[in-house]
């Protein structure tokens, strides 16, 4: 398999791992108990996507890289810093998680702009749709939290 495709798959894998870590952090930091489970579910979805990408990489002779991408890891650390500075305000935590999903969307869009083999493209497109759903859920959770605070 072409190196550029393997690199792209590894970048998406790292984005999924970062998403999982970010959603777990949000679940830990969020004060509203009703929001913990949706964040844990989102983390689980990211884990599933990461496992699928990892298997796809291995099946194509690639090596799933360990670690996290620089941009998304820095963003996840920013969630921790901002949350601690703001007293782990639920609104701030949700906004930062939504920004994290913005980064994931960008990663998937960049991947889909590339010339991917059809089977890889199918996986990436399906996962991209899931990231869109995660992003929408984040917006809905944030909006619902705003209504309950009013």
N, C-alpha and C. Protein backbone atom coordinates (compact mmCIF):
# COMPACT_ATOMS: atom_id res chain seq x y z
N UNK A 1 0.84 -1.18 0.00
CA UNK A 1 0.00 0.00 0.00
C UNK A 1 0.89 1.24 0.00
N UNK A 2 0.43 2.28 -0.62
CA UNK A 2 1.19 3.52 -0.70
C UNK A 2 1.41 4.12 0.69
N UNK A 3 2.58 4.70 0.85
CA UNK A 3 2.93 5.31 2.13
C UNK A 3 1.98 6.45 2.51
N UNK A 4 1.52 7.23 1.51
CA UNK A 4 0.63 8.34 1.83
C UNK A 4 -0.70 7.85 2.39
N UNK A 5 -1.18 6.71 1.94
CA UNK A 5 -2.42 6.15 2.46
C UNK A 5 -2.21 5.66 3.89
N UNK A 6 -1.08 5.01 4.14
CA UNK A 6 -0.77 4.54 5.49
C UNK A 6 -0.62 5.72 6.45
N UNK A 7 0.02 6.78 5.98
CA UNK A 7 0.17 7.99 6.80
C UNK A 7 -1.20 8.58 7.13
N UNK A 8 -2.07 8.65 6.14
CA UNK A 8 -3.41 9.17 6.36
C UNK A 8 -4.17 8.33 7.37
N UNK A 9 -4.09 7.02 7.23
CA UNK A 9 -4.77 6.13 8.18
C UNK A 9 -4.23 6.32 9.59
N UNK A 10 -2.92 6.48 9.71
CA UNK A 10 -2.33 6.72 11.03
C UNK A 10 -2.78 8.05 11.62
N UNK A 11 -2.91 9.07 10.79
CA UNK A 11 -3.39 10.36 11.28
C UNK A 11 -4.82 10.25 11.79
N UNK A 12 -5.65 9.51 11.07
CA UNK A 12 -7.03 9.32 11.52
C UNK A 12 -7.07 8.47 12.80
N UNK A 13 -6.21 7.48 12.87
CA UNK A 13 -6.12 6.66 14.07
C UNK A 13 -5.77 7.53 15.27
N UNK A 14 -4.80 8.40 15.10
CA UNK A 14 -4.42 9.30 16.19
C UNK A 14 -5.56 10.24 16.57
N UNK A 15 -6.30 10.72 15.58
CA UNK A 15 -7.44 11.59 15.87
C UNK A 15 -8.49 10.83 16.68
N UNK A 16 -8.70 9.57 16.36
CA UNK A 16 -9.67 8.75 17.11
C UNK A 16 -9.20 8.53 18.53
N UNK A 17 -7.92 8.23 18.69
CA UNK A 17 -7.38 8.05 20.05
C UNK A 17 -7.49 9.32 20.86
N UNK A 18 -7.19 10.44 20.22
CA UNK A 18 -7.31 11.73 20.91
C UNK A 18 -8.77 12.01 21.27
N UNK A 19 -9.68 11.67 20.35
CA UNK A 19 -11.09 11.86 20.63
C UNK A 19 -11.54 11.03 21.83
N UNK A 20 -11.10 9.79 21.86
CA UNK A 20 -11.45 8.92 22.99
C UNK A 20 -10.95 9.54 24.31
N UNK A 21 -9.69 9.95 24.31
CA UNK A 21 -9.12 10.55 25.53
C UNK A 21 -9.86 11.83 25.90
N UNK A 22 -10.19 12.65 24.90
CA UNK A 22 -10.88 13.91 25.16
C UNK A 22 -12.28 13.69 25.72
N UNK A 23 -13.01 12.74 25.16
CA UNK A 23 -14.36 12.49 25.66
C UNK A 23 -14.33 11.88 27.06
N UNK A 24 -13.32 11.05 27.34
CA UNK A 24 -13.19 10.51 28.70
C UNK A 24 -12.89 11.65 29.68
N UNK A 25 -12.03 12.57 29.27
CA UNK A 25 -11.72 13.73 30.11
C UNK A 25 -12.98 14.55 30.36
N UNK A 26 -13.76 14.75 29.30
CA UNK A 26 -15.00 15.51 29.47
C UNK A 26 -15.96 14.80 30.42
N UNK A 27 -16.05 13.48 30.30
CA UNK A 27 -16.93 12.71 31.20
C UNK A 27 -16.48 12.87 32.65
N UNK A 28 -15.17 12.89 32.87
CA UNK A 28 -14.65 13.06 34.22
C UNK A 28 -14.88 14.47 34.75
N UNK A 29 -14.73 15.47 33.86
CA UNK A 29 -14.77 16.86 34.29
C UNK A 29 -16.17 17.45 34.37
N UNK A 30 -17.10 16.87 33.64
CA UNK A 30 -18.45 17.45 33.57
C UNK A 30 -19.16 17.25 34.91
N UNK A 31 -19.84 18.25 35.37
CA UNK A 31 -20.54 18.16 36.66
C UNK A 31 -21.94 17.59 36.51
N UNK A 32 -22.58 17.85 35.39
CA UNK A 32 -23.93 17.36 35.16
C UNK A 32 -23.89 15.85 34.93
N UNK A 33 -24.41 15.10 35.89
CA UNK A 33 -24.33 13.63 35.85
C UNK A 33 -25.02 13.06 34.61
N UNK A 34 -26.03 13.75 34.08
CA UNK A 34 -26.74 13.27 32.89
C UNK A 34 -25.87 13.34 31.64
N UNK A 35 -24.82 14.12 31.67
CA UNK A 35 -23.96 14.28 30.51
C UNK A 35 -22.78 13.31 30.51
N UNK A 36 -22.51 12.69 31.63
CA UNK A 36 -21.37 11.77 31.71
C UNK A 36 -21.51 10.59 30.75
N UNK A 37 -22.67 9.95 30.73
CA UNK A 37 -22.86 8.77 29.89
C UNK A 37 -22.74 9.09 28.40
N UNK A 38 -23.33 10.19 27.90
CA UNK A 38 -23.12 10.50 26.47
C UNK A 38 -21.64 10.68 26.11
N UNK A 39 -20.86 11.30 27.00
CA UNK A 39 -19.43 11.46 26.72
C UNK A 39 -18.72 10.11 26.72
N UNK A 40 -19.09 9.23 27.65
CA UNK A 40 -18.49 7.90 27.68
C UNK A 40 -18.86 7.10 26.43
N UNK A 41 -20.09 7.27 25.95
CA UNK A 41 -20.52 6.60 24.71
C UNK A 41 -19.72 7.12 23.51
N UNK A 42 -19.50 8.43 23.48
CA UNK A 42 -18.70 9.01 22.40
C UNK A 42 -17.26 8.49 22.45
N UNK A 43 -16.71 8.36 23.66
CA UNK A 43 -15.36 7.82 23.81
C UNK A 43 -15.32 6.38 23.29
N UNK A 44 -16.34 5.61 23.60
CA UNK A 44 -16.41 4.22 23.13
C UNK A 44 -16.46 4.17 21.60
N UNK A 45 -17.23 5.08 20.99
CA UNK A 45 -17.30 5.14 19.52
C UNK A 45 -15.96 5.46 18.91
N UNK A 46 -15.21 6.35 19.54
CA UNK A 46 -13.86 6.69 19.05
C UNK A 46 -12.95 5.48 19.16
N UNK A 47 -13.07 4.74 20.25
CA UNK A 47 -12.26 3.54 20.44
C UNK A 47 -12.57 2.52 19.35
N UNK A 48 -13.85 2.32 19.05
CA UNK A 48 -14.23 1.38 17.99
C UNK A 48 -13.63 1.79 16.65
N UNK A 49 -13.71 3.09 16.34
CA UNK A 49 -13.15 3.59 15.08
C UNK A 49 -11.64 3.39 15.05
N UNK A 50 -10.97 3.62 16.18
CA UNK A 50 -9.52 3.44 16.24
C UNK A 50 -9.15 1.99 16.01
N UNK A 51 -9.90 1.07 16.59
CA UNK A 51 -9.62 -0.35 16.39
C UNK A 51 -9.80 -0.75 14.93
N UNK A 52 -10.84 -0.21 14.30
CA UNK A 52 -11.07 -0.52 12.89
C UNK A 52 -9.93 0.01 12.02
N UNK A 53 -9.50 1.24 12.29
CA UNK A 53 -8.40 1.82 11.52
C UNK A 53 -7.10 1.06 11.76
N UNK A 54 -6.87 0.66 13.00
CA UNK A 54 -5.67 -0.10 13.33
C UNK A 54 -5.64 -1.42 12.56
N UNK A 55 -6.77 -2.12 12.53
CA UNK A 55 -6.85 -3.39 11.79
C UNK A 55 -6.64 -3.15 10.29
N UNK A 56 -7.19 -2.06 9.77
CA UNK A 56 -7.04 -1.72 8.36
C UNK A 56 -5.56 -1.46 8.04
N UNK A 57 -4.89 -0.75 8.93
CA UNK A 57 -3.46 -0.49 8.74
C UNK A 57 -2.65 -1.79 8.72
N UNK A 58 -2.89 -2.64 9.69
CA UNK A 58 -2.14 -3.90 9.77
C UNK A 58 -2.41 -4.77 8.56
N UNK A 59 -3.67 -4.82 8.12
CA UNK A 59 -4.01 -5.66 6.97
C UNK A 59 -3.35 -5.17 5.69
N UNK A 60 -2.92 -3.92 5.68
CA UNK A 60 -2.30 -3.34 4.50
C UNK A 60 -0.79 -3.21 4.67
N UNK A 61 -0.26 -3.86 5.70
CA UNK A 61 1.18 -3.85 5.91
C UNK A 61 1.70 -2.64 6.67
N UNK A 62 0.80 -1.86 7.22
CA UNK A 62 1.22 -0.68 7.96
C UNK A 62 1.42 -0.99 9.43
N UNK A 63 1.95 -0.02 10.13
CA UNK A 63 2.20 -0.14 11.55
C UNK A 63 1.43 0.96 12.26
N UNK A 64 0.40 0.59 13.03
CA UNK A 64 -0.34 1.62 13.77
C UNK A 64 0.59 2.34 14.74
N UNK A 65 0.78 3.61 14.51
CA UNK A 65 1.68 4.38 15.36
C UNK A 65 1.03 4.61 16.71
N UNK A 66 1.85 4.61 17.74
CA UNK A 66 1.38 4.91 19.08
C UNK A 66 1.54 6.40 19.30
N UNK A 67 0.77 6.91 20.25
CA UNK A 67 0.88 8.33 20.56
C UNK A 67 -0.28 9.09 19.97
N UNK A 68 -0.16 10.38 20.05
CA UNK A 68 -1.24 11.25 19.60
C UNK A 68 -0.67 12.31 18.67
N UNK A 69 -1.54 12.78 17.79
CA UNK A 69 -1.12 13.83 16.86
C UNK A 69 -0.87 15.12 17.63
N UNK A 70 0.06 15.87 17.15
CA UNK A 70 0.46 17.09 17.85
C UNK A 70 -0.71 18.05 18.05
N UNK A 71 -1.45 18.33 16.99
CA UNK A 71 -2.53 19.31 17.08
C UNK A 71 -3.65 18.88 18.00
N UNK A 72 -4.09 17.63 17.89
CA UNK A 72 -5.20 17.21 18.72
C UNK A 72 -4.74 16.97 20.15
N UNK A 73 -3.53 16.47 20.36
CA UNK A 73 -3.04 16.28 21.73
C UNK A 73 -2.92 17.62 22.43
N UNK A 74 -2.41 18.61 21.72
CA UNK A 74 -2.31 19.94 22.31
C UNK A 74 -3.70 20.46 22.65
N UNK A 75 -4.66 20.19 21.78
CA UNK A 75 -6.01 20.63 22.07
C UNK A 75 -6.56 19.94 23.32
N UNK A 76 -6.33 18.63 23.45
CA UNK A 76 -6.83 17.91 24.61
C UNK A 76 -6.19 18.42 25.89
N UNK A 77 -4.89 18.78 25.83
CA UNK A 77 -4.25 19.36 27.01
C UNK A 77 -4.87 20.71 27.30
N UNK A 78 -5.24 21.44 26.27
CA UNK A 78 -5.87 22.74 26.46
C UNK A 78 -7.20 22.58 27.19
N UNK A 79 -7.94 21.51 26.90
CA UNK A 79 -9.18 21.24 27.63
C UNK A 79 -8.87 21.14 29.13
N UNK A 80 -7.84 20.38 29.48
CA UNK A 80 -7.48 20.21 30.89
C UNK A 80 -7.10 21.54 31.53
N UNK A 81 -6.27 22.32 30.83
CA UNK A 81 -5.81 23.60 31.37
C UNK A 81 -6.98 24.56 31.52
N UNK A 82 -7.76 24.70 30.45
CA UNK A 82 -8.87 25.64 30.49
C UNK A 82 -9.90 25.23 31.53
N UNK A 83 -10.18 23.94 31.62
CA UNK A 83 -11.14 23.45 32.60
C UNK A 83 -10.67 23.75 34.02
N UNK A 84 -9.39 23.54 34.29
CA UNK A 84 -8.90 23.79 35.64
C UNK A 84 -8.92 25.27 35.97
N UNK A 85 -8.62 26.11 34.99
CA UNK A 85 -8.65 27.55 35.21
C UNK A 85 -10.07 28.07 35.41
N UNK A 86 -11.01 27.43 34.76
CA UNK A 86 -12.40 27.89 34.84
C UNK A 86 -13.22 27.09 35.84
N UNK A 87 -12.56 26.35 36.71
CA UNK A 87 -13.29 25.58 37.69
C UNK A 87 -14.08 24.44 37.07
N UNK A 88 -13.62 23.96 35.93
CA UNK A 88 -14.28 22.85 35.22
C UNK A 88 -15.76 23.15 34.97
N UNK A 89 -16.02 24.35 34.53
CA UNK A 89 -17.35 24.78 34.15
C UNK A 89 -17.86 23.90 33.02
N UNK A 90 -19.08 23.35 33.18
CA UNK A 90 -19.64 22.43 32.19
C UNK A 90 -19.68 23.03 30.78
N UNK A 91 -20.05 24.29 30.69
CA UNK A 91 -20.13 24.93 29.39
C UNK A 91 -18.76 24.99 28.72
N UNK A 92 -17.74 25.32 29.48
CA UNK A 92 -16.38 25.39 28.93
C UNK A 92 -15.90 24.01 28.50
N UNK A 93 -16.19 22.99 29.30
CA UNK A 93 -15.79 21.63 28.97
C UNK A 93 -16.45 21.21 27.66
N UNK A 94 -17.75 21.46 27.53
CA UNK A 94 -18.46 21.06 26.31
C UNK A 94 -17.98 21.83 25.09
N UNK A 95 -17.71 23.11 25.25
CA UNK A 95 -17.21 23.90 24.12
C UNK A 95 -15.87 23.37 23.65
N UNK A 96 -15.00 23.01 24.59
CA UNK A 96 -13.70 22.50 24.21
C UNK A 96 -13.80 21.13 23.55
N UNK A 97 -14.73 20.29 24.02
CA UNK A 97 -14.93 18.99 23.37
C UNK A 97 -15.47 19.20 21.95
N UNK A 98 -16.33 20.16 21.79
CA UNK A 98 -16.85 20.45 20.46
C UNK A 98 -15.72 20.94 19.55
N UNK A 99 -14.83 21.74 20.08
CA UNK A 99 -13.68 22.19 19.28
C UNK A 99 -12.81 21.00 18.91
N UNK A 100 -12.68 20.04 19.82
CA UNK A 100 -11.93 18.82 19.52
C UNK A 100 -12.55 18.07 18.36
N UNK A 101 -13.87 18.03 18.34
CA UNK A 101 -14.56 17.37 17.23
C UNK A 101 -14.39 18.15 15.93
N UNK A 102 -14.26 19.48 16.03
CA UNK A 102 -13.96 20.27 14.84
C UNK A 102 -12.64 19.82 14.23
N UNK A 103 -11.65 19.56 15.09
CA UNK A 103 -10.34 19.08 14.61
C UNK A 103 -10.48 17.70 13.95
N UNK A 104 -11.29 16.84 14.54
CA UNK A 104 -11.50 15.50 13.96
C UNK A 104 -12.17 15.63 12.59
N UNK A 105 -13.16 16.49 12.49
CA UNK A 105 -13.83 16.71 11.20
C UNK A 105 -12.82 17.14 10.14
N UNK A 106 -11.93 18.06 10.50
CA UNK A 106 -10.92 18.54 9.56
C UNK A 106 -10.01 17.40 9.12
N UNK A 107 -9.63 16.54 10.06
CA UNK A 107 -8.76 15.40 9.73
C UNK A 107 -9.44 14.48 8.72
N UNK A 108 -10.70 14.20 8.94
CA UNK A 108 -11.43 13.31 8.03
C UNK A 108 -11.66 13.98 6.67
N UNK A 109 -11.93 15.28 6.68
CA UNK A 109 -12.11 15.97 5.39
C UNK A 109 -10.82 15.95 4.58
N UNK A 110 -9.69 16.19 5.25
CA UNK A 110 -8.39 16.13 4.56
C UNK A 110 -8.17 14.74 3.98
N UNK A 111 -8.51 13.72 4.75
CA UNK A 111 -8.32 12.34 4.28
C UNK A 111 -9.18 12.08 3.04
N UNK A 112 -10.40 12.57 3.05
CA UNK A 112 -11.31 12.32 1.94
C UNK A 112 -10.93 13.11 0.68
N UNK A 113 -10.09 14.11 0.82
CA UNK A 113 -9.60 14.86 -0.34
C UNK A 113 -8.52 14.08 -1.08
N UNK A 114 -8.02 13.03 -0.47
CA UNK A 114 -6.94 12.25 -1.06
C UNK A 114 -7.49 11.13 -1.94
N UNK A 115 -6.59 10.62 -2.77
CA UNK A 115 -6.92 9.50 -3.65
C UNK A 115 -6.73 8.21 -2.86
N UNK A 116 -7.80 7.76 -2.20
CA UNK A 116 -7.75 6.56 -1.37
C UNK A 116 -8.28 5.35 -2.14
N UNK A 117 -7.75 4.17 -1.86
CA UNK A 117 -8.34 2.96 -2.45
C UNK A 117 -9.82 2.88 -2.04
N UNK A 118 -10.64 2.30 -2.87
CA UNK A 118 -12.08 2.29 -2.63
C UNK A 118 -12.47 1.70 -1.28
N UNK A 119 -11.84 0.60 -0.88
CA UNK A 119 -12.21 -0.02 0.40
C UNK A 119 -11.81 0.87 1.58
N UNK A 120 -10.68 1.55 1.48
CA UNK A 120 -10.25 2.47 2.53
C UNK A 120 -11.18 3.68 2.56
N UNK A 121 -11.50 4.19 1.38
CA UNK A 121 -12.40 5.34 1.29
C UNK A 121 -13.74 5.02 1.94
N UNK A 122 -14.25 3.81 1.73
CA UNK A 122 -15.54 3.43 2.31
C UNK A 122 -15.50 3.51 3.84
N UNK A 123 -14.41 3.02 4.43
CA UNK A 123 -14.27 3.07 5.89
C UNK A 123 -14.16 4.52 6.36
N UNK A 124 -13.34 5.30 5.68
CA UNK A 124 -13.13 6.69 6.07
C UNK A 124 -14.43 7.48 5.93
N UNK A 125 -15.17 7.27 4.87
CA UNK A 125 -16.44 7.99 4.69
C UNK A 125 -17.45 7.62 5.78
N UNK A 126 -17.52 6.32 6.10
CA UNK A 126 -18.46 5.88 7.14
C UNK A 126 -18.07 6.49 8.50
N UNK A 127 -16.78 6.47 8.80
CA UNK A 127 -16.33 7.05 10.06
C UNK A 127 -16.53 8.57 10.08
N UNK A 128 -16.34 9.20 8.94
CA UNK A 128 -16.57 10.65 8.84
C UNK A 128 -18.02 10.98 9.18
N UNK A 129 -18.95 10.16 8.71
CA UNK A 129 -20.36 10.37 9.03
C UNK A 129 -20.59 10.25 10.54
N UNK A 130 -19.89 9.32 11.18
CA UNK A 130 -20.00 9.18 12.64
C UNK A 130 -19.45 10.41 13.36
N UNK A 131 -18.35 10.96 12.85
CA UNK A 131 -17.78 12.16 13.46
C UNK A 131 -18.76 13.33 13.32
N UNK A 132 -19.42 13.42 12.18
CA UNK A 132 -20.45 14.46 11.99
C UNK A 132 -21.55 14.27 13.04
N UNK A 133 -21.98 13.03 13.24
CA UNK A 133 -23.02 12.76 14.25
C UNK A 133 -22.52 13.11 15.65
N UNK A 134 -21.26 12.79 15.96
CA UNK A 134 -20.70 13.14 17.27
C UNK A 134 -20.72 14.66 17.45
N UNK A 135 -20.35 15.37 16.40
CA UNK A 135 -20.30 16.83 16.46
C UNK A 135 -21.70 17.39 16.70
N UNK A 136 -22.67 16.85 16.00
CA UNK A 136 -24.07 17.30 16.18
C UNK A 136 -24.55 16.98 17.60
N UNK A 137 -24.21 15.81 18.10
CA UNK A 137 -24.59 15.46 19.46
C UNK A 137 -23.97 16.42 20.45
N UNK A 138 -22.71 16.78 20.23
CA UNK A 138 -22.05 17.75 21.11
C UNK A 138 -22.81 19.07 21.12
N UNK A 139 -23.21 19.54 19.94
CA UNK A 139 -23.97 20.79 19.86
C UNK A 139 -25.29 20.65 20.61
N UNK A 140 -25.97 19.52 20.41
CA UNK A 140 -27.26 19.31 21.08
C UNK A 140 -27.11 19.24 22.60
N UNK A 141 -26.07 18.56 23.07
CA UNK A 141 -25.83 18.49 24.51
C UNK A 141 -25.54 19.88 25.08
N UNK A 142 -24.73 20.63 24.36
CA UNK A 142 -24.42 21.99 24.81
C UNK A 142 -25.67 22.85 24.84
N UNK A 143 -26.49 22.77 23.80
CA UNK A 143 -27.71 23.56 23.76
C UNK A 143 -28.67 23.14 24.87
N UNK A 144 -28.79 21.84 25.11
CA UNK A 144 -29.66 21.34 26.17
C UNK A 144 -29.17 21.81 27.53
N UNK A 145 -27.86 21.82 27.73
CA UNK A 145 -27.29 22.29 28.99
C UNK A 145 -27.56 23.77 29.18
N UNK A 146 -27.49 24.55 28.09
CA UNK A 146 -27.79 25.99 28.17
C UNK A 146 -29.23 26.20 28.60
N UNK A 147 -30.14 25.43 28.04
CA UNK A 147 -31.56 25.56 28.39
C UNK A 147 -31.81 25.24 29.86
N UNK A 148 -31.14 24.21 30.35
CA UNK A 148 -31.35 23.81 31.74
C UNK A 148 -30.73 24.83 32.71
N UNK A 149 -29.72 25.58 32.25
CA UNK A 149 -29.09 26.60 33.10
C UNK A 149 -29.93 27.87 33.16
N UNK A 150 -30.78 28.04 32.14
CA UNK A 150 -31.57 29.28 32.06
C UNK A 150 -32.71 29.30 33.04
